[in-house]
Amino acid sequence: QSTEERLDKKGGQTVLSLSKLADIPIELHRPLPDDATVKQVTLKKEKTSEWFAIFGIEMDTKSPAKSSLENIDTAEMVGIDVGILKYAHDTDGTAVESLKLSEERDRLEREQRNLSRKEHGSNNWENQRRRVAECHFDIKRKRRDFLHKLSAYYAREYELVAVEGLDVKGMLASPRNSRNTASSAWNTFTDLLEYKCKREGTHFVEVDPGGTTKECAQCGVETDKPLWVREHSCPACGFEADRDANAAWNILSRGLTDLGVGHSELPPVETALAVDTAVVSAKRVVEAGTSFRKERSPCLKEPPKAASRQG
């Protein structure tokens, strides 16, 4: 680390000048903001043997003022239910598929098998170890890129975002779907979403996840559903909807309650869910310059009506 550093151009090459080390040619992935002051540089070596320079900068910026909760239109509110089959299903009728990394995982397994055949500590073992590390890094990079873009979308497009406060550590202790749970990185998604909502001036709330799938978004009656049942059908009021869409509306309702707004701000759930769900491929999320924003339902732009809830 150094507190006396600067970026220079020498012969068309960007160079990081560190007072206690040397001038290091670097590849600058994106230019620093004009009003940024570099306060610290951390040099990090990955297991792939690649070196990265991490800049700690100081900027004179202020987060946008948040809109008053009473003035937020229902079309600017969203509840998000995260899962494995569909990574995110929201109250605006958008379902984002989970990121498919099967090819990357197959390659990782092949490289790990090759590593097991090498003599530990030999040059061949070290070269193969680096290939395994590159596979891990590639998976990590693609997953982070997906989560960054998805969280940025919700933070920018809405003025209020409600998500579940999941106990991922407890879920990992269960043998059921522990690998898929770890791969989903839900805690990372909510952490990214929280700080991006703060940056964009968007209200963010985490709610108690208990019973969001069981509870009917229309009347509040709870019904047990095994994991393979993907449709919600309420025996009390007859309301039917996609399982994840029903959960998303429960999450939004709880978020409004936690913020002191209440259910009366929402349109009737049965009306809101009448619009077909748009399923978005994860590839569309990660492609640069694309938008997966769905045309919002006209019913969500109407003045909100009191939702009838019982029980």
Protein backbone atom coordinates (compact mmCIF):
# COMPACT_ATOMS: atom_id res chain seq x y z
CA GLN A 1 0.00 0.00 0.00
CA SER A 2 1.06 3.56 -0.57
CA THR A 3 -0.45 6.98 0.10
CA GLU A 4 1.69 8.75 -2.50
CA GLU A 5 0.65 7.47 -5.91
CA ARG A 6 -0.44 8.82 -9.26
CA LEU A 7 -1.41 7.68 -12.71
CA ASP A 8 0.77 8.79 -15.61
CA LYS A 9 0.93 8.22 -19.35
CA LYS A 10 4.32 7.11 -20.66
CA GLY A 11 4.67 6.21 -24.30
CA GLY A 12 0.92 5.68 -24.62
CA GLN A 13 0.93 3.22 -21.68
CA THR A 14 -0.88 3.95 -18.41
CA VAL A 15 1.59 3.70 -15.55
CA LEU A 16 0.90 3.53 -11.83
CA SER A 17 3.66 5.36 -9.98
CA LEU A 18 4.13 4.14 -6.42
CA SER A 19 6.58 6.11 -4.31
CA LYS A 20 7.83 3.12 -2.33
CA LEU A 21 7.94 0.67 -5.22
CA ALA A 22 8.29 1.64 -8.87
CA ASP A 23 6.45 2.69 -12.02
CA ILE A 24 4.14 -0.21 -12.88
CA PRO A 25 2.48 -0.46 -16.34
CA ILE A 26 -1.19 -1.28 -15.83
CA GLU A 27 -4.35 -1.85 -17.84
CA LEU A 28 -6.88 0.70 -16.59
CA HIS A 29 -10.30 -0.91 -16.96
CA ARG A 30 -12.13 2.42 -16.73
CA PRO A 31 -10.99 6.01 -16.12
CA LEU A 32 -11.27 7.45 -12.64
CA PRO A 33 -13.85 10.24 -12.16
CA ASP A 34 -12.46 13.71 -12.79
CA ASP A 35 -13.28 14.88 -9.25
CA ALA A 36 -11.83 11.76 -7.57
CA THR A 37 -8.80 11.95 -5.29
CA VAL A 38 -6.82 8.73 -4.92
CA LYS A 39 -6.31 8.12 -1.19
CA GLN A 40 -4.98 4.58 -1.24
CA VAL A 41 -3.89 1.83 -3.61
CA THR A 42 -3.95 -1.83 -2.63
CA LEU A 43 -2.06 -4.37 -4.71
CA LYS A 44 -3.65 -7.82 -4.70
CA LYS A 45 -2.38 -11.07 -6.18
CA GLU A 46 -5.08 -13.57 -7.15
CA LYS A 47 -4.57 -17.34 -7.07
CA THR A 48 -4.35 -17.17 -10.85
CA SER A 49 -1.01 -15.26 -10.32
CA GLU A 50 -2.60 -12.11 -11.75
CA TRP A 51 -2.03 -8.79 -9.98
CA PHE A 52 -4.72 -6.14 -9.48
CA ALA A 53 -4.51 -2.56 -8.23
CA ILE A 54 -7.54 -1.54 -6.14
CA PHE A 55 -8.03 2.23 -5.84
CA GLY A 56 -9.55 3.82 -2.77
CA ILE A 57 -10.83 7.22 -3.89
CA GLU A 58 -12.52 10.19 -2.27
CA MET A 59 -15.27 12.11 -4.06
CA ASP A 60 -17.41 15.07 -3.09
CA THR A 61 -20.79 13.50 -3.88
CA LYS A 62 -24.12 13.32 -2.10
CA SER A 63 -26.76 10.63 -2.40
CA PRO A 64 -29.99 11.82 -4.05
CA ALA A 65 -32.77 12.70 -1.66
CA LYS A 66 -35.28 9.87 -1.23
CA SER A 67 -38.85 10.45 -2.32
CA SER A 68 -41.45 10.63 0.42
CA LEU A 69 -43.03 7.22 0.90
CA GLU A 70 -46.50 8.75 0.65
CA ASN A 71 -45.68 10.20 -2.77
CA ILE A 72 -44.33 7.02 -4.39
CA ASP A 73 -46.62 5.62 -7.09
CA THR A 74 -47.35 1.91 -6.97
CA ALA A 75 -45.65 1.49 -10.37
CA GLU A 76 -42.40 2.62 -8.72
CA MET A 77 -42.55 -0.06 -5.99
CA VAL A 78 -41.29 -3.60 -6.41
CA GLY A 79 -41.12 -6.74 -4.31
CA ILE A 80 -38.52 -9.35 -5.29
CA ASP A 81 -38.63 -13.07 -4.53
CA VAL A 82 -35.30 -14.82 -5.14
CA GLY A 83 -35.01 -18.51 -5.92
CA ILE A 84 -33.06 -21.21 -7.73
CA LEU A 85 -35.15 -22.03 -10.81
CA LYS A 86 -35.85 -18.32 -11.37
CA TYR A 87 -33.24 -16.12 -9.76
CA ALA A 88 -35.63 -13.19 -9.27
CA HIS A 89 -39.39 -12.92 -9.70
CA ASP A 90 -40.83 -9.47 -9.05
CA THR A 91 -44.23 -7.84 -8.66
CA ASP A 92 -43.85 -6.05 -11.98
CA GLY A 93 -44.25 -9.29 -13.92
CA THR A 94 -40.59 -9.97 -14.64
CA ALA A 95 -38.90 -13.30 -13.91
CA VAL A 96 -35.13 -13.46 -14.42
CA GLU A 97 -33.66 -16.90 -15.02
CA SER A 98 -30.70 -18.08 -12.96
CA LEU A 99 -27.27 -17.73 -14.50
CA LYS A 100 -26.32 -20.94 -16.29
CA LEU A 101 -22.67 -21.85 -15.68
CA SER A 102 -22.78 -25.54 -16.61
CA GLU A 103 -20.01 -25.27 -19.22
CA GLU A 104 -17.76 -23.42 -16.78
CA ARG A 105 -18.41 -26.01 -14.06
CA ASP A 106 -17.71 -28.90 -16.45
CA ARG A 107 -14.40 -27.30 -17.35
CA LEU A 108 -13.56 -26.80 -13.67
CA GLU A 109 -14.23 -30.47 -12.91
CA ARG A 110 -12.02 -31.57 -15.82
CA GLU A 111 -9.18 -29.34 -14.67
CA GLN A 112 -9.54 -30.57 -11.07
CA ARG A 113 -9.30 -34.19 -12.23
CA ASN A 114 -6.16 -33.33 -14.18
CA LEU A 115 -4.71 -31.65 -11.10
CA SER A 116 -5.26 -34.77 -9.00
CA ARG A 117 -3.06 -36.74 -11.44
CA LYS A 118 -0.08 -34.38 -11.12
CA GLU A 119 2.77 -34.81 -8.63
CA HIS A 120 2.13 -32.33 -5.84
CA GLY A 121 4.64 -29.47 -5.89
CA SER A 122 5.99 -30.18 -9.38
CA ASN A 123 6.04 -27.60 -12.19
CA ASN A 124 3.24 -29.45 -13.98
CA TRP A 125 1.20 -29.42 -10.75
CA GLU A 126 1.72 -25.67 -10.35
CA ASN A 127 0.68 -24.97 -13.95
CA GLN A 128 -2.42 -27.11 -13.52
CA ARG A 129 -3.21 -25.49 -10.16
CA ARG A 130 -3.20 -22.13 -11.95
CA ARG A 131 -5.67 -23.46 -14.55
CA VAL A 132 -8.02 -24.60 -11.76
CA ALA A 133 -7.73 -21.18 -10.12
CA GLU A 134 -8.55 -19.53 -13.46
CA CYS A 135 -11.75 -21.63 -13.69
CA HIS A 136 -12.80 -20.59 -10.19
CA PHE A 137 -12.04 -16.95 -10.97
CA ASP A 138 -14.00 -17.09 -14.24
CA ILE A 139 -17.11 -18.44 -12.44
CA LYS A 140 -16.77 -15.85 -9.68
CA ARG A 141 -16.34 -13.00 -12.18
CA LYS A 142 -19.39 -13.99 -14.26
CA ARG A 143 -21.58 -14.41 -11.19
CA ARG A 144 -20.53 -11.01 -9.76
CA ASP A 145 -21.13 -9.35 -13.12
CA PHE A 146 -24.66 -10.79 -13.25
CA LEU A 147 -25.44 -9.69 -9.68
CA HIS A 148 -24.02 -6.19 -10.21
CA LYS A 149 -26.14 -5.59 -13.30
CA LEU A 150 -29.33 -7.07 -11.84
CA SER A 151 -29.05 -5.09 -8.59
CA ALA A 152 -28.24 -1.89 -10.50
CA TYR A 153 -31.36 -2.37 -12.61
CA TYR A 154 -33.70 -2.57 -9.61
CA ALA A 155 -31.99 0.30 -7.77
CA ARG A 156 -32.30 2.62 -10.79
CA GLU A 157 -35.74 1.66 -12.07
CA TYR A 158 -37.70 1.82 -8.82
CA GLU A 159 -38.11 4.14 -5.86
CA LEU A 160 -38.89 1.39 -3.33
CA VAL A 161 -37.43 -2.12 -3.33
CA ALA A 162 -38.46 -4.87 -0.90
CA VAL A 163 -36.56 -8.17 -0.59
CA GLU A 164 -36.39 -11.11 1.81
CA GLY A 165 -33.83 -11.10 4.62
CA LEU A 166 -32.75 -14.70 4.07
CA ASP A 167 -30.68 -16.72 6.55
CA VAL A 168 -28.38 -18.15 3.89
CA LYS A 169 -25.91 -19.56 6.43
CA GLY A 170 -28.67 -21.65 7.98
CA MET A 171 -29.85 -22.77 4.55
CA LEU A 172 -26.33 -23.93 3.66
CA ALA A 173 -26.33 -26.19 6.72
CA SER A 174 -29.17 -28.17 5.13
CA PRO A 175 -28.08 -30.94 2.72
CA ARG A 176 -30.96 -30.08 0.38
CA ASN A 177 -29.92 -27.77 -2.46
CA SER A 178 -26.90 -26.49 -0.50
CA ARG A 179 -24.76 -26.29 -3.65
CA ASN A 180 -27.42 -24.37 -5.57
CA THR A 181 -27.99 -22.10 -2.57
CA ALA A 182 -24.28 -21.29 -2.36
CA SER A 183 -24.10 -20.66 -6.11
CA SER A 184 -27.06 -18.29 -5.98
CA ALA A 185 -25.19 -15.87 -3.70
CA TRP A 186 -28.41 -14.27 -2.42
CA ASN A 187 -26.64 -12.40 0.39
CA THR A 188 -24.27 -10.86 -2.13
CA PHE A 189 -27.22 -9.77 -4.26
CA THR A 190 -29.01 -8.08 -1.35
CA ASP A 191 -25.77 -6.43 -0.16
CA LEU A 192 -25.16 -5.00 -3.63
CA LEU A 193 -28.80 -3.98 -3.94
CA GLU A 194 -28.77 -2.20 -0.57
CA TYR A 195 -25.76 0.02 -1.26
CA LYS A 196 -26.90 0.77 -4.81
CA CYS A 197 -30.35 1.79 -3.55
CA LYS A 198 -28.63 4.14 -1.12
CA ARG A 199 -26.55 5.55 -3.96
CA GLU A 200 -29.59 6.07 -6.18
CA GLY A 201 -31.86 7.46 -3.44
CA THR A 202 -34.14 4.39 -3.52
CA HIS A 203 -35.92 3.08 -0.43
CA PHE A 204 -34.68 -0.41 0.49
CA VAL A 205 -36.27 -2.78 2.99
CA GLU A 206 -35.57 -6.39 3.99
CA VAL A 207 -38.53 -8.32 5.39
CA ASP A 208 -39.03 -11.47 7.42
CA PRO A 209 -39.04 -14.32 4.84
CA GLY A 210 -41.10 -16.69 6.97
CA GLY A 211 -44.25 -17.85 5.20
CA THR A 212 -44.00 -15.60 2.13
CA THR A 213 -44.51 -18.66 -0.11
CA LYS A 214 -47.28 -20.21 2.01
CA GLU A 215 -49.32 -17.06 2.61
CA CYS A 216 -51.97 -16.07 0.06
CA ALA A 217 -51.28 -12.56 -1.22
CA GLN A 218 -55.01 -12.02 -1.70
CA CYS A 219 -56.52 -13.14 1.63
CA GLY A 220 -53.58 -14.01 3.91
CA VAL A 221 -54.47 -17.68 4.54
CA GLU A 222 -51.40 -19.97 4.73
CA THR A 223 -51.18 -23.19 2.70
CA ASP A 224 -48.27 -25.66 2.85
CA LYS A 225 -46.66 -26.25 -0.54
CA PRO A 226 -43.81 -28.68 -1.29
CA LEU A 227 -40.96 -27.27 -3.34
CA TRP A 228 -42.03 -28.96 -6.57
CA VAL A 229 -45.45 -27.28 -6.54
CA ARG A 230 -44.90 -24.13 -8.63
CA GLU A 231 -48.43 -22.73 -8.51
CA HIS A 232 -50.25 -21.08 -5.62
CA SER A 233 -53.89 -22.09 -5.21
CA CYS A 234 -55.66 -20.76 -2.14
CA PRO A 235 -58.31 -23.12 -0.65
CA ALA A 236 -59.91 -20.19 1.19
CA CYS A 237 -60.49 -17.55 -1.50
CA GLY A 238 -59.72 -19.54 -4.67
CA PHE A 239 -56.94 -17.14 -5.74
CA GLU A 240 -54.46 -18.77 -8.15
CA ALA A 241 -51.08 -17.43 -9.25
CA ASP A 242 -47.49 -18.42 -9.91
CA ARG A 243 -45.87 -19.47 -6.64
CA ASP A 244 -43.02 -16.94 -6.90
CA ALA A 245 -45.29 -14.10 -8.03
CA ASN A 246 -47.49 -14.67 -4.98
CA ALA A 247 -44.42 -14.59 -2.73
CA ALA A 248 -43.15 -11.38 -4.35
CA TRP A 249 -46.42 -9.60 -3.57
CA ASN A 250 -46.26 -10.79 0.04
CA ILE A 251 -42.72 -9.42 0.27
CA LEU A 252 -43.80 -6.02 -1.06
CA SER A 253 -46.80 -5.93 1.30
CA ARG A 254 -44.58 -6.73 4.29
CA GLY A 255 -42.06 -4.12 3.18
CA LEU A 256 -44.75 -1.44 3.08
CA THR A 257 -45.99 -2.51 6.51
CA ASP A 258 -42.46 -2.37 7.96
CA LEU A 259 -42.05 1.13 6.54
CA GLY A 260 -45.39 2.20 8.00
CA VAL A 261 -47.17 2.61 4.67
CA GLY A 262 -49.65 -0.30 4.78
CA HIS A 263 -51.41 -2.48 2.23
CA SER A 264 -53.87 0.18 1.10
CA GLU A 265 -51.19 1.62 -1.20
CA LEU A 266 -51.25 -1.53 -3.37
CA PRO A 267 -53.72 -2.36 -6.15
CA PRO A 268 -55.73 -5.57 -5.72
CA VAL A 269 -53.31 -8.44 -6.13
CA GLU A 270 -55.68 -10.41 -8.34
CA THR A 271 -55.82 -7.47 -10.77
CA ALA A 272 -52.08 -6.85 -10.67
CA LEU A 273 -51.22 -10.48 -11.40
CA ALA A 274 -53.56 -10.69 -14.40
CA VAL A 275 -50.65 -9.72 -16.67
CA ASP A 276 -48.50 -12.52 -18.12
CA THR A 277 -45.05 -12.92 -16.63
CA ALA A 278 -42.09 -12.00 -18.86
CA VAL A 279 -39.28 -14.53 -18.42
CA VAL A 280 -35.88 -12.94 -19.04
CA SER A 281 -32.76 -14.98 -19.80
CA ALA A 282 -29.76 -14.36 -17.55
CA LYS A 283 -27.68 -13.83 -20.71
CA ARG A 284 -29.76 -10.77 -21.51
CA VAL A 285 -28.89 -9.33 -18.11
CA VAL A 286 -25.14 -9.69 -18.55
CA GLU A 287 -24.99 -8.49 -22.16
CA ALA A 288 -23.56 -4.98 -22.26
CA GLY A 289 -25.87 -2.23 -23.42
CA THR A 290 -29.11 -4.23 -23.19
CA SER A 291 -32.17 -3.57 -21.10
CA PHE A 292 -34.58 -6.21 -19.86
CA ARG A 293 -37.14 -3.77 -18.54
CA LYS A 294 -40.64 -5.04 -19.28
CA GLU A 295 -43.42 -2.74 -20.48
CA ARG A 296 -45.32 -2.10 -17.28
CA SER A 297 -48.87 -3.17 -16.92
CA PRO A 298 -51.54 -0.47 -17.38
CA CYS A 299 -53.28 -1.80 -14.26
CA LEU A 300 -50.27 -0.75 -12.18
CA LYS A 301 -50.55 2.82 -13.47
CA GLU A 302 -54.12 3.25 -12.31
CA PRO A 303 -54.82 4.93 -8.95
CA PRO A 304 -54.24 2.34 -6.22
CA LYS A 305 -57.26 0.64 -4.75
CA ALA A 306 -57.59 -0.85 -1.29
CA ALA A 307 -56.70 -4.54 -1.32
CA SER A 308 -59.12 -6.82 0.42
CA ARG A 309 -57.31 -9.03 2.99
CA GLN A 310 -58.80 -11.35 5.54
CA GLY A 311 -57.45 -13.34 8.43
